[in-house]
C-alpha cells in the first residue's frame, strides 16, 4: 500500500485553485516564497480562469485537483486561497483516482471539509497551514519555519509554538487533533465531509464574523451534539469585524461554561500572518493551567 511521504527539499508541490478567484501578480509572489523555501512548484495555466467569484467552473477545479493527485512527480498539494467554492466540487471528484494516489495536502479556511474528508476517509496526511496568496503577502519567519518543519518532519512535532495563547478553562486532554474554520465546520454538518469531533482535540478559528455570529455557530455545534465527545478545545485566531465592540472572551466563557475539558484561546493559527501549521488527524495533548497552556503533537503526520 502506497503512503504519502514527508517532503524533501527539491520535491514538487502541486498548486490547486478550488475556491475563489485571485490575481496573477499576488499568486506569483506566493510561488516565489514557496520556491525560496527549497521546493519546486507545478500548476496548470488554467488555474487563472475565472467564473463569477470562482476560479473557473466546478469541472475545471475538480479536474485540476484530481490531475495533481495523479501526477507521480507531485509529492504534495497546496491551495492558492480559500473563500468560497471548495465544497461544490467534492461530490464530483474522482474518488478512485484520489484513493490510489496518496499525497500530503496543505490548506485552510474554505478547505476545511476537504481536509477532513481526505484525513478521515483515506488516512491522508493533511496540514492546516498557509496557502499561496497568504505567503505572498508576507509572513513572519516563524510561520515559514514551522510550515517547512510540519511538511518535512518524519516524527511527531512535539510542543508547538503557542504565541500569546491563554487558558479559558483549565484541564488536560488527549485526542486526535481535528477541526478548521468554524463556519466551514458548521457547513459540513450532515454531509459526507463532516468533521469528526468524537474523542477529539477540537481546533477552530474564523474571520470577519461578529461575536454574536460566533455565538450562534458555536451554539449550533452544541445543539448538533458535536461537542459532547470533544476532549479539549483549541481556539485559534478570531479576526472580528473592525466595528464589533462585543466582548469575545465573555462570549466564549459563557458558551463553554458547561464544557468538561480544557479550553485555550488566541492560539496562533488561522487567518493571520502569524500561523503555526497544524497537522490534523494526529494524536495531540492539550494542557491548560491558570498561568500557562500548551499543545503537543504526539504522533507523526506520516505514521
C-alpha atoms as a PDB file:
ATOM      1  CA  UNK A   1       0.000   0.000   0.000  1.00  0.00           C
ATOM      2  CA  UNK A   2       1.380   3.383  -1.036  1.00  0.00           C
ATOM      3  CA  UNK A   3       1.776   6.055   1.617  1.00  0.00           C
ATOM      4  CA  UNK A   4       2.462   9.748   1.353  1.00  0.00           C
ATOM      5  CA  UNK A   5       5.960  10.692   2.472  1.00  0.00           C
ATOM      6  CA  UNK A   6       7.383  13.792   4.163  1.00  0.00           C
ATOM      7  CA  UNK A   7       8.603  16.435   1.747  1.00  0.00           C
ATOM      8  CA  UNK A   8      12.284  16.886   0.979  1.00  0.00           C
ATOM      9  CA  UNK A   9      13.969  19.977  -0.413  1.00  0.00           C
ATOM     10  CA  UNK A  10      13.627  19.807  -4.189  1.00  0.00           C
ATOM     11  CA  UNK A  11      10.280  17.999  -4.114  1.00  0.00           C
ATOM     12  CA  UNK A  12       7.454  19.374  -6.236  1.00  0.00           C
ATOM     13  CA  UNK A  13       4.324  20.889  -4.701  1.00  0.00           C
ATOM     14  CA  UNK A  14       1.291  20.959  -6.983  1.00  0.00           C
ATOM     15  CA  UNK A  15      -0.803  24.117  -6.742  1.00  0.00           C
ATOM     16  CA  UNK A  16      -4.605  23.971  -6.979  1.00  0.00           C
ATOM     17  CA  UNK A  17      -7.289  26.658  -7.040  1.00  0.00           C
ATOM     18  CA  UNK A  18     -10.574  25.092  -5.956  1.00  0.00           C
ATOM     19  CA  UNK A  19     -12.166  28.135  -4.328  1.00  0.00           C
ATOM     20  CA  UNK A  20     -12.136  31.863  -5.089  1.00  0.00           C
ATOM     21  CA  UNK A  21     -10.545  33.990  -7.803  1.00  0.00           C
ATOM     22  CA  UNK A  22      -7.196  35.744  -7.489  1.00  0.00           C
ATOM     23  CA  UNK A  23      -4.796  37.938  -9.421  1.00  0.00           C
ATOM     24  CA  UNK A  24      -1.701  36.557 -11.138  1.00  0.00           C
ATOM     25  CA  UNK A  25       0.685  39.062  -9.515  1.00  0.00           C
ATOM     26  CA  UNK A  26      -0.331  38.044  -5.986  1.00  0.00           C
ATOM     27  CA  UNK A  27      -0.125  34.374  -6.980  1.00  0.00           C
ATOM     28  CA  UNK A  28       3.391  34.738  -8.388  1.00  0.00           C
ATOM     29  CA  UNK A  29       4.609  36.426  -5.204  1.00  0.00           C
ATOM     30  CA  UNK A  30       3.452  33.420  -3.184  1.00  0.00           C
ATOM     31  CA  UNK A  31       5.060  30.988  -5.621  1.00  0.00           C
ATOM     32  CA  UNK A  32       8.350  32.860  -5.251  1.00  0.00           C
ATOM     33  CA  UNK A  33       8.204  32.470  -1.465  1.00  0.00           C
ATOM     34  CA  UNK A  34       7.375  28.763  -1.713  1.00  0.00           C
ATOM     35  CA  UNK A  35      10.270  28.155  -4.093  1.00  0.00           C
ATOM     36  CA  UNK A  36      12.613  30.147  -1.842  1.00  0.00           C
ATOM     37  CA  UNK A  37      11.935  27.504   0.820  1.00  0.00           C
ATOM     38  CA  UNK A  38      13.568  24.907  -1.423  1.00  0.00           C
ATOM     39  CA  UNK A  39      10.548  23.367  -3.154  1.00  0.00           C
ATOM     40  CA  UNK A  40       9.614  23.194  -6.821  1.00  0.00           C
ATOM     41  CA  UNK A  41       6.087  24.109  -7.878  1.00  0.00           C
ATOM     42  CA  UNK A  42       3.745  22.959 -10.627  1.00  0.00           C
ATOM     43  CA  UNK A  43       0.420  24.351 -11.767  1.00  0.00           C
ATOM     44  CA  UNK A  44      -1.790  24.298 -14.850  1.00  0.00           C
ATOM     45  CA  UNK A  45      -2.212  27.528 -16.794  1.00  0.00           C
ATOM     46  CA  UNK A  46      -5.987  27.089 -16.456  1.00  0.00           C
ATOM     47  CA  UNK A  47      -5.569  27.930 -12.761  1.00  0.00           C
ATOM     48  CA  UNK A  48      -6.103  31.600 -13.689  1.00  0.00           C
ATOM     49  CA  UNK A  49      -9.598  31.012 -15.117  1.00  0.00           C
ATOM     50  CA  UNK A  50     -12.456  32.973 -13.558  1.00  0.00           C
ATOM     51  CA  UNK A  51     -16.158  32.235 -13.368  1.00  0.00           C
ATOM     52  CA  UNK A  52     -18.008  34.799 -11.272  1.00  0.00           C
ATOM     53  CA  UNK A  53     -16.359  34.587  -7.819  1.00  0.00           C
ATOM     54  CA  UNK A  54     -14.842  31.145  -8.504  1.00  0.00           C
ATOM     55  CA  UNK A  55     -11.512  30.098 -10.018  1.00  0.00           C
ATOM     56  CA  UNK A  56     -13.194  28.588 -13.053  1.00  0.00           C
ATOM     57  CA  UNK A  57     -16.025  26.096 -13.396  1.00  0.00           C
ATOM     58  CA  UNK A  58     -16.650  23.263 -10.951  1.00  0.00           C
ATOM     59  CA  UNK A  59     -15.450  20.861 -13.656  1.00  0.00           C
ATOM     60  CA  UNK A  60     -12.187  22.751 -14.188  1.00  0.00           C
ATOM     61  CA  UNK A  61     -11.412  22.960 -10.495  1.00  0.00           C
ATOM     62  CA  UNK A  62     -12.226  19.313  -9.773  1.00  0.00           C
ATOM     63  CA  UNK A  63     -10.229  18.035 -12.764  1.00  0.00           C
ATOM     64  CA  UNK A  64      -7.261  20.176 -11.771  1.00  0.00           C
ATOM     65  CA  UNK A  65      -7.198  18.744  -8.258  1.00  0.00           C
ATOM     66  CA  UNK A  66      -7.519  15.128  -9.422  1.00  0.00           C
ATOM     67  CA  UNK A  67      -4.764  15.622 -12.017  1.00  0.00           C
ATOM     68  CA  UNK A  68      -2.397  16.756  -9.266  1.00  0.00           C
ATOM     69  CA  UNK A  69      -3.164  13.619  -7.257  1.00  0.00           C
ATOM     70  CA  UNK A  70      -2.497  11.515 -10.387  1.00  0.00           C
ATOM     71  CA  UNK A  71       0.849  13.130 -11.207  1.00  0.00           C
ATOM     72  CA  UNK A  72       3.642  10.955  -9.709  1.00  0.00           C
ATOM     73  CA  UNK A  73       6.110  13.864  -9.752  1.00  0.00           C
ATOM     74  CA  UNK A  74       3.978  15.836  -7.314  1.00  0.00           C
ATOM     75  CA  UNK A  75       4.599  14.973  -3.655  1.00  0.00           C
ATOM     76  CA  UNK A  76       2.194  17.436  -2.021  1.00  0.00           C
ATOM     77  CA  UNK A  77      -0.705  19.706  -2.935  1.00  0.00           C
ATOM     78  CA  UNK A  78      -1.153  23.267  -1.683  1.00  0.00           C
ATOM     79  CA  UNK A  79      -4.108  25.519  -2.427  1.00  0.00           C
ATOM     80  CA  UNK A  80      -3.961  29.079  -3.711  1.00  0.00           C
ATOM     81  CA  UNK A  81      -6.589  30.551  -1.413  1.00  0.00           C
ATOM     82  CA  UNK A  82      -9.885  29.880   0.332  1.00  0.00           C
ATOM     83  CA  UNK A  83     -13.035  31.957   0.075  1.00  0.00           C
ATOM     84  CA  UNK A  84     -15.940  30.054  -1.426  1.00  0.00           C
ATOM     85  CA  UNK A  85     -16.478  27.070  -3.673  1.00  0.00           C
ATOM     86  CA  UNK A  86     -14.407  24.110  -2.469  1.00  0.00           C
ATOM     87  CA  UNK A  87     -17.445  22.187  -1.222  1.00  0.00           C
ATOM     88  CA  UNK A  88     -19.085  22.478  -4.655  1.00  0.00           C
ATOM     89  CA  UNK A  89     -16.533  20.140  -6.235  1.00  0.00           C
ATOM     90  CA  UNK A  90     -16.419  17.438  -3.553  1.00  0.00           C
ATOM     91  CA  UNK A  91     -19.257  15.288  -4.972  1.00  0.00           C
ATOM     92  CA  UNK A  92     -17.710  15.253  -8.468  1.00  0.00           C
ATOM     93  CA  UNK A  93     -14.133  14.359  -7.522  1.00  0.00           C
ATOM     94  CA  UNK A  94     -12.834  11.044  -8.893  1.00  0.00           C
ATOM     95  CA  UNK A  95     -12.601   9.208  -5.579  1.00  0.00           C
ATOM     96  CA  UNK A  96     -10.873   6.142  -7.042  1.00  0.00           C
ATOM     97  CA  UNK A  97      -8.019   8.152  -8.506  1.00  0.00           C
ATOM     98  CA  UNK A  98      -7.562  10.136  -5.306  1.00  0.00           C
ATOM     99  CA  UNK A  99      -7.630   6.951  -3.203  1.00  0.00           C
ATOM    100  CA  UNK A 100      -4.897   5.397  -5.364  1.00  0.00           C
ATOM    101  CA  UNK A 101      -2.518   8.346  -5.116  1.00  0.00           C
ATOM    102  CA  UNK A 102      -1.800   9.438  -1.530  1.00  0.00           C
ATOM    103  CA  UNK A 103      -0.441  12.942  -1.146  1.00  0.00           C
ATOM    104  CA  UNK A 104       0.271  15.441   1.607  1.00  0.00           C
ATOM    105  CA  UNK A 105      -2.324  18.246   1.347  1.00  0.00           C
ATOM    106  CA  UNK A 106      -1.991  21.769   2.781  1.00  0.00           C
ATOM    107  CA  UNK A 107      -4.691  24.420   3.098  1.00  0.00           C
ATOM    108  CA  UNK A 108      -7.144  26.095   5.458  1.00  0.00           C
ATOM    109  CA  UNK A 109     -10.392  28.070   5.703  1.00  0.00           C
ATOM    110  CA  UNK A 110     -12.715  27.008   2.837  1.00  0.00           C
ATOM    111  CA  UNK A 111     -10.675  23.799   2.506  1.00  0.00           C
ATOM    112  CA  UNK A 112     -11.740  22.545   5.963  1.00  0.00           C
ATOM    113  CA  UNK A 113     -14.288  19.932   4.718  1.00  0.00           C
ATOM    114  CA  UNK A 114     -11.918  18.677   2.006  1.00  0.00           C
ATOM    115  CA  UNK A 115      -9.088  18.244   4.517  1.00  0.00           C
ATOM    116  CA  UNK A 116     -11.426  16.391   6.887  1.00  0.00           C
ATOM    117  CA  UNK A 117     -12.616  14.112   4.076  1.00  0.00           C
ATOM    118  CA  UNK A 118      -9.070  13.238   2.971  1.00  0.00           C
ATOM    119  CA  UNK A 119      -7.895  12.604   6.530  1.00  0.00           C
ATOM    120  CA  UNK A 120     -10.912  10.706   7.837  1.00  0.00           C
ATOM    121  CA  UNK A 121     -11.698   8.612   4.741  1.00  0.00           C
ATOM    122  CA  UNK A 122      -8.271   7.916   3.261  1.00  0.00           C
ATOM    123  CA  UNK A 123      -5.926   8.494   6.180  1.00  0.00           C
ATOM    124  CA  UNK A 124      -4.025  11.055   4.117  1.00  0.00           C
ATOM    125  CA  UNK A 125      -1.698  13.493   5.891  1.00  0.00           C
ATOM    126  CA  UNK A 126      -3.295  16.935   5.889  1.00  0.00           C
ATOM    127  CA  UNK A 127      -1.988  20.167   7.353  1.00  0.00           C
ATOM    128  CA  UNK A 128      -3.977  23.247   8.302  1.00  0.00           C
ATOM    129  CA  UNK A 129      -1.493  25.819   7.147  1.00  0.00           C
ATOM    130  CA  UNK A 130      -0.679  28.813   4.947  1.00  0.00           C
ATOM    131  CA  UNK A 131      -1.643  28.945   1.275  1.00  0.00           C
ATOM    132  CA  UNK A 132      -0.035  30.593  -1.732  1.00  0.00           C
ATOM    133  CA  UNK A 133      -1.686  34.021  -1.579  1.00  0.00           C
ATOM    134  CA  UNK A 134      -1.020  34.344   2.148  1.00  0.00           C
ATOM    135  CA  UNK A 135       2.661  33.537   1.673  1.00  0.00           C
ATOM    136  CA  UNK A 136       2.873  36.222  -0.986  1.00  0.00           C
ATOM    137  CA  UNK A 137       1.539  38.899   1.353  1.00  0.00           C
ATOM    138  CA  UNK A 138       4.484  38.447   3.702  1.00  0.00           C
ATOM    139  CA  UNK A 139       4.539  36.319   6.836  1.00  0.00           C
ATOM    140  CA  UNK A 140       6.817  36.124   9.908  1.00  0.00           C
ATOM    141  CA  UNK A 141       9.858  33.867   9.721  1.00  0.00           C
ATOM    142  CA  UNK A 142       8.296  31.614  12.373  1.00  0.00           C
ATOM    143  CA  UNK A 143       5.355  30.941  10.046  1.00  0.00           C
ATOM    144  CA  UNK A 144       7.710  29.829   7.266  1.00  0.00           C
ATOM    145  CA  UNK A 145       9.945  27.811   9.575  1.00  0.00           C
ATOM    146  CA  UNK A 146       7.057  25.915  11.076  1.00  0.00           C
ATOM    147  CA  UNK A 147       5.431  25.312   7.684  1.00  0.00           C
ATOM    148  CA  UNK A 148       8.623  23.651   6.458  1.00  0.00           C
ATOM    149  CA  UNK A 149       9.012  21.698   9.697  1.00  0.00           C
ATOM    150  CA  UNK A 150       5.442  20.405   9.571  1.00  0.00           C
ATOM    151  CA  UNK A 151       5.770  19.275   5.947  1.00  0.00           C
ATOM    152  CA  UNK A 152       9.204  17.656   6.206  1.00  0.00           C
ATOM    153  CA  UNK A 153       9.291  16.052   9.657  1.00  0.00           C
ATOM    154  CA  UNK A 154       9.108  12.256   9.861  1.00  0.00           C
ATOM    155  CA  UNK A 155       8.472  12.340  13.603  1.00  0.00           C
ATOM    156  CA  UNK A 156       5.909  13.918  15.900  1.00  0.00           C
ATOM    157  CA  UNK A 157       6.328  17.691  16.109  1.00  0.00           C
ATOM    158  CA  UNK A 158       6.183  17.823  19.915  1.00  0.00           C
ATOM    159  CA  UNK A 159       5.200  21.069  21.637  1.00  0.00           C
ATOM    160  CA  UNK A 160       4.051  23.657  19.102  1.00  0.00           C
ATOM    161  CA  UNK A 161       4.746  27.390  19.451  1.00  0.00           C
ATOM    162  CA  UNK A 162       1.841  28.848  21.411  1.00  0.00           C
ATOM    163  CA  UNK A 163       2.401  32.565  20.943  1.00  0.00           C
ATOM    164  CA  UNK A 164       0.091  34.515  23.255  1.00  0.00           C
ATOM    165  CA  UNK A 165      -2.399  31.701  23.775  1.00  0.00           C
ATOM    166  CA  UNK A 166      -4.267  31.830  27.086  1.00  0.00           C
ATOM    167  CA  UNK A 167      -6.321  29.458  29.197  1.00  0.00           C
ATOM    168  CA  UNK A 168     -10.090  29.769  29.193  1.00  0.00           C
ATOM    169  CA  UNK A 169     -10.742  26.544  31.147  1.00  0.00           C
ATOM    170  CA  UNK A 170      -8.120  24.522  32.979  1.00  0.00           C
ATOM    171  CA  UNK A 171      -7.521  20.821  32.469  1.00  0.00           C
ATOM    172  CA  UNK A 172      -5.668  18.181  30.475  1.00  0.00           C
ATOM    173  CA  UNK A 173      -6.831  16.133  27.495  1.00  0.00           C
ATOM    174  CA  UNK A 174      -5.570  13.805  24.782  1.00  0.00           C
ATOM    175  CA  UNK A 175      -7.185  13.059  21.432  1.00  0.00           C
ATOM    176  CA  UNK A 176      -6.982  13.391  17.660  1.00  0.00           C
ATOM    177  CA  UNK A 177      -6.449  16.988  16.551  1.00  0.00           C
ATOM    178  CA  UNK A 178      -9.309  17.890  14.209  1.00  0.00           C
ATOM    179  CA  UNK A 179     -11.172  20.973  13.070  1.00  0.00           C
ATOM    180  CA  UNK A 180     -10.585  24.056  10.957  1.00  0.00           C
ATOM    181  CA  UNK A 181     -12.512  27.201  10.104  1.00  0.00           C
ATOM    182  CA  UNK A 182     -15.583  27.384  12.349  1.00  0.00           C
ATOM    183  CA  UNK A 183     -18.086  28.418   9.696  1.00  0.00           C
ATOM    184  CA  UNK A 184     -16.882  25.554   7.467  1.00  0.00           C
ATOM    185  CA  UNK A 185     -17.097  23.023  10.300  1.00  0.00           C
ATOM    186  CA  UNK A 186     -20.740  24.053  10.603  1.00  0.00           C
ATOM    187  CA  UNK A 187     -21.229  23.969   6.829  1.00  0.00           C
ATOM    188  CA  UNK A 188     -20.038  20.351   6.790  1.00  0.00           C
ATOM    189  CA  UNK A 189     -22.697  19.144   9.244  1.00  0.00           C
ATOM    190  CA  UNK A 190     -24.843  16.258   7.946  1.00  0.00           C
ATOM    191  CA  UNK A 191     -22.736  15.914   4.790  1.00  0.00           C
ATOM    192  CA  UNK A 192     -20.260  13.160   3.815  1.00  0.00           C
ATOM    193  CA  UNK A 193     -17.497  15.668   4.615  1.00  0.00           C
ATOM    194  CA  UNK A 194     -18.489  16.373   8.213  1.00  0.00           C
ATOM    195  CA  UNK A 195     -15.636  16.953  10.645  1.00  0.00           C
ATOM    196  CA  UNK A 196     -15.477  14.073  13.141  1.00  0.00           C
ATOM    197  CA  UNK A 197     -15.250  15.559  16.637  1.00  0.00           C
ATOM    198  CA  UNK A 198     -15.556  12.321  18.635  1.00  0.00           C
ATOM    199  CA  UNK A 199     -12.716  11.989  21.176  1.00  0.00           C
ATOM    200  CA  UNK A 200     -11.019  14.964  19.525  1.00  0.00           C
ATOM    201  CA  UNK A 201      -8.966  17.948  20.497  1.00  0.00           C
ATOM    202  CA  UNK A 202     -11.128  20.361  18.502  1.00  0.00           C
ATOM    203  CA  UNK A 203      -9.413  23.325  16.858  1.00  0.00           C
ATOM    204  CA  UNK A 204     -11.335  26.200  15.309  1.00  0.00           C
ATOM    205  CA  UNK A 205     -10.690  29.728  14.038  1.00  0.00           C
ATOM    206  CA  UNK A 206     -12.590  32.213  11.880  1.00  0.00           C
ATOM    207  CA  UNK A 207     -12.517  35.606  10.205  1.00  0.00           C
ATOM    208  CA  UNK A 208     -14.853  38.509   9.501  1.00  0.00           C
ATOM    209  CA  UNK A 209     -17.549  37.408  11.944  1.00  0.00           C
ATOM    210  CA  UNK A 210     -19.450  39.325  14.594  1.00  0.00           C
ATOM    211  CA  UNK A 211     -19.222  37.956  18.128  1.00  0.00           C
ATOM    212  CA  UNK A 212     -22.999  37.221  18.058  1.00  0.00           C
ATOM    213  CA  UNK A 213     -22.453  35.214  14.852  1.00  0.00           C
ATOM    214  CA  UNK A 214     -19.683  33.209  16.511  1.00  0.00           C
ATOM    215  CA  UNK A 215     -22.052  32.600  19.425  1.00  0.00           C
ATOM    216  CA  UNK A 216     -24.665  31.272  17.005  1.00  0.00           C
ATOM    217  CA  UNK A 217     -22.179  28.991  15.223  1.00  0.00           C
ATOM    218  CA  UNK A 218     -20.910  27.512  18.488  1.00  0.00           C
ATOM    219  CA  UNK A 219     -24.439  27.104  19.819  1.00  0.00           C
ATOM    220  CA  UNK A 220     -25.334  25.218  16.643  1.00  0.00           C
ATOM    221  CA  UNK A 221     -22.420  22.834  17.219  1.00  0.00           C
ATOM    222  CA  UNK A 222     -23.651  22.242  20.763  1.00  0.00           C
ATOM    223  CA  UNK A 223     -27.223  21.563  19.618  1.00  0.00           C
ATOM    224  CA  UNK A 224     -25.909  19.221  16.908  1.00  0.00           C
ATOM    225  CA  UNK A 225     -24.110  17.177  19.572  1.00  0.00           C
ATOM    226  CA  UNK A 226     -20.699  17.937  18.087  1.00  0.00           C
ATOM    227  CA  UNK A 227     -19.164  18.941  21.434  1.00  0.00           C
ATOM    228  CA  UNK A 228     -20.440  16.016  23.525  1.00  0.00           C
ATOM    229  CA  UNK A 229     -17.406  13.801  22.924  1.00  0.00           C
ATOM    230  CA  UNK A 230     -14.818  16.544  22.425  1.00  0.00           C
ATOM    231  CA  UNK A 231     -11.996  16.207  24.960  1.00  0.00           C
ATOM    232  CA  UNK A 232     -10.388  19.634  24.655  1.00  0.00           C
ATOM    233  CA  UNK A 233     -10.693  22.810  22.600  1.00  0.00           C
ATOM    234  CA  UNK A 234      -8.067  24.995  20.930  1.00  0.00           C
ATOM    235  CA  UNK A 235      -9.431  28.329  19.725  1.00  0.00           C
ATOM    236  CA  UNK A 236      -7.191  29.882  17.106  1.00  0.00           C
ATOM    237  CA  UNK A 237      -7.207  33.346  15.598  1.00  0.00           C
ATOM    238  CA  UNK A 238     -10.635  35.003  15.645  1.00  0.00           C
ATOM    239  CA  UNK A 239     -10.446  38.019  13.340  1.00  0.00           C
ATOM    240  CA  UNK A 240     -13.549  40.048  14.180  1.00  0.00           C
ATOM    241  CA  UNK A 241     -15.203  42.746  12.112  1.00  0.00           C
ATOM    242  CA  UNK A 242     -13.477  46.066  12.733  1.00  0.00           C
ATOM    243  CA  UNK A 243     -16.586  47.713  14.194  1.00  0.00           C
ATOM    244  CA  UNK A 244     -17.508  44.834  16.523  1.00  0.00           C
ATOM    245  CA  UNK A 245     -17.308  46.052  20.135  1.00  0.00           C
ATOM    246  CA  UNK A 246     -18.663  42.901  21.791  1.00  0.00           C
ATOM    247  CA  UNK A 247     -16.508  41.035  24.317  1.00  0.00           C
ATOM    248  CA  UNK A 248     -15.464  37.829  22.566  1.00  0.00           C
ATOM    249  CA  UNK A 249     -13.857  36.326  25.688  1.00  0.00           C
ATOM    250  CA  UNK A 250     -17.040  36.808  27.715  1.00  0.00           C
ATOM    251  CA  UNK A 251     -18.998  35.071  24.959  1.00  0.00           C
ATOM    252  CA  UNK A 252     -16.568  32.131  24.878  1.00  0.00           C
ATOM    253  CA  UNK A 253     -16.667  31.782  28.666  1.00  0.00           C
ATOM    254  CA  UNK A 254     -20.453  31.669  28.518  1.00  0.00           C
ATOM    255  CA  UNK A 255     -20.697  29.190  25.634  1.00  0.00           C
ATOM    256  CA  UNK A 256     -18.150  26.808  27.167  1.00  0.00           C
ATOM    257  CA  UNK A 257     -19.241  27.233  30.799  1.00  0.00           C
ATOM    258  CA  UNK A 258     -20.557  23.656  30.905  1.00  0.00           C
ATOM    259  CA  UNK A 259     -17.796  22.092  28.807  1.00  0.00           C
ATOM    260  CA  UNK A 260     -15.913  19.419  30.736  1.00  0.00           C
ATOM    261  CA  UNK A 261     -12.372  19.797  29.456  1.00  0.00           C
ATOM    262  CA  UNK A 262      -9.532  22.252  28.839  1.00  0.00           C
ATOM    263  CA  UNK A 263     -10.104  25.238  26.550  1.00  0.00           C
ATOM    264  CA  UNK A 264      -7.436  27.641  25.320  1.00  0.00           C
ATOM    265  CA  UNK A 265      -7.850  30.675  23.055  1.00  0.00           C
ATOM    266  CA  UNK A 266      -5.804  33.076  20.942  1.00  0.00           C
ATOM    267  CA  UNK A 267      -3.705  30.231  19.556  1.00  0.00           C
ATOM    268  CA  UNK A 268      -1.597  31.456  16.587  1.00  0.00           C
ATOM    269  CA  UNK A 269      -3.277  29.539  13.771  1.00  0.00           C
ATOM    270  CA  UNK A 270      -5.804  30.816  11.261  1.00  0.00           C
ATOM    271  CA  UNK A 271      -6.455  33.985   9.317  1.00  0.00           C
ATOM    272  CA  UNK A 272      -3.384  35.944  10.362  1.00  0.00           C
ATOM    273  CA  UNK A 273       0.227  36.228   9.235  1.00  0.00           C
ATOM    274  CA  UNK A 274       1.372  34.507  12.451  1.00  0.00           C
ATOM    275  CA  UNK A 275       0.294  30.966  11.555  1.00  0.00           C
ATOM    276  CA  UNK A 276       1.543  27.782  13.191  1.00  0.00           C
ATOM    277  CA  UNK A 277       0.835  24.955  10.746  1.00  0.00           C
ATOM    278  CA  UNK A 278      -1.296  22.303  12.451  1.00  0.00           C
ATOM    279  CA  UNK A 279      -1.170  18.645  11.362  1.00  0.00           C
ATOM    280  CA  UNK A 280      -4.731  17.308  11.523  1.00  0.00           C
ATOM    281  CA  UNK A 281      -5.770  13.755  12.358  1.00  0.00           C
ATOM    282  CA  UNK A 282      -2.710  13.198  14.565  1.00  0.00           C
ATOM    283  CA  UNK A 283      -2.552  12.451  18.282  1.00  0.00           C
ATOM    284  CA  UNK A 284      -2.299  15.553  20.437  1.00  0.00           C
ATOM    285  CA  UNK A 285      -2.195  16.541  24.100  1.00  0.00           C
ATOM    286  CA  UNK A 286      -3.621  19.776  25.479  1.00  0.00           C
ATOM    287  CA  UNK A 287      -2.608  21.126  28.886  1.00  0.00           C
ATOM    288  CA  UNK A 288      -4.162  24.306  30.270  1.00  0.00           C
ATOM    289  CA  UNK A 289      -3.403  25.775  33.684  1.00  0.00           C
ATOM    290  CA  UNK A 290      -4.088  29.167  35.214  1.00  0.00           C
ATOM    291  CA  UNK A 291      -0.699  30.515  34.160  1.00  0.00           C
ATOM    292  CA  UNK A 292       0.210  28.571  31.013  1.00  0.00           C
ATOM    293  CA  UNK A 293      -1.049  26.306  28.253  1.00  0.00           C
ATOM    294  CA  UNK A 294       0.466  24.022  25.632  1.00  0.00           C
ATOM    295  CA  UNK A 295      -0.499  21.943  22.606  1.00  0.00           C
ATOM    296  CA  UNK A 296       1.756  18.959  21.929  1.00  0.00           C
ATOM    297  CA  UNK A 297       1.668  16.765  18.824  1.00  0.00           C
ATOM    298  CA  UNK A 298       2.441  13.222  19.951  1.00  0.00           C
ATOM    299  CA  UNK A 299       2.255  11.242  16.692  1.00  0.00           C
ATOM    300  CA  UNK A 300       3.750  11.856  13.265  1.00  0.00           C
ATOM    301  CA  UNK A 301       1.708  13.117  10.341  1.00  0.00           C
ATOM    302  CA  UNK A 302       3.095  10.370   8.110  1.00  0.00           C
ATOM    303  CA  UNK A 303       2.797   7.420  10.506  1.00  0.00           C
END
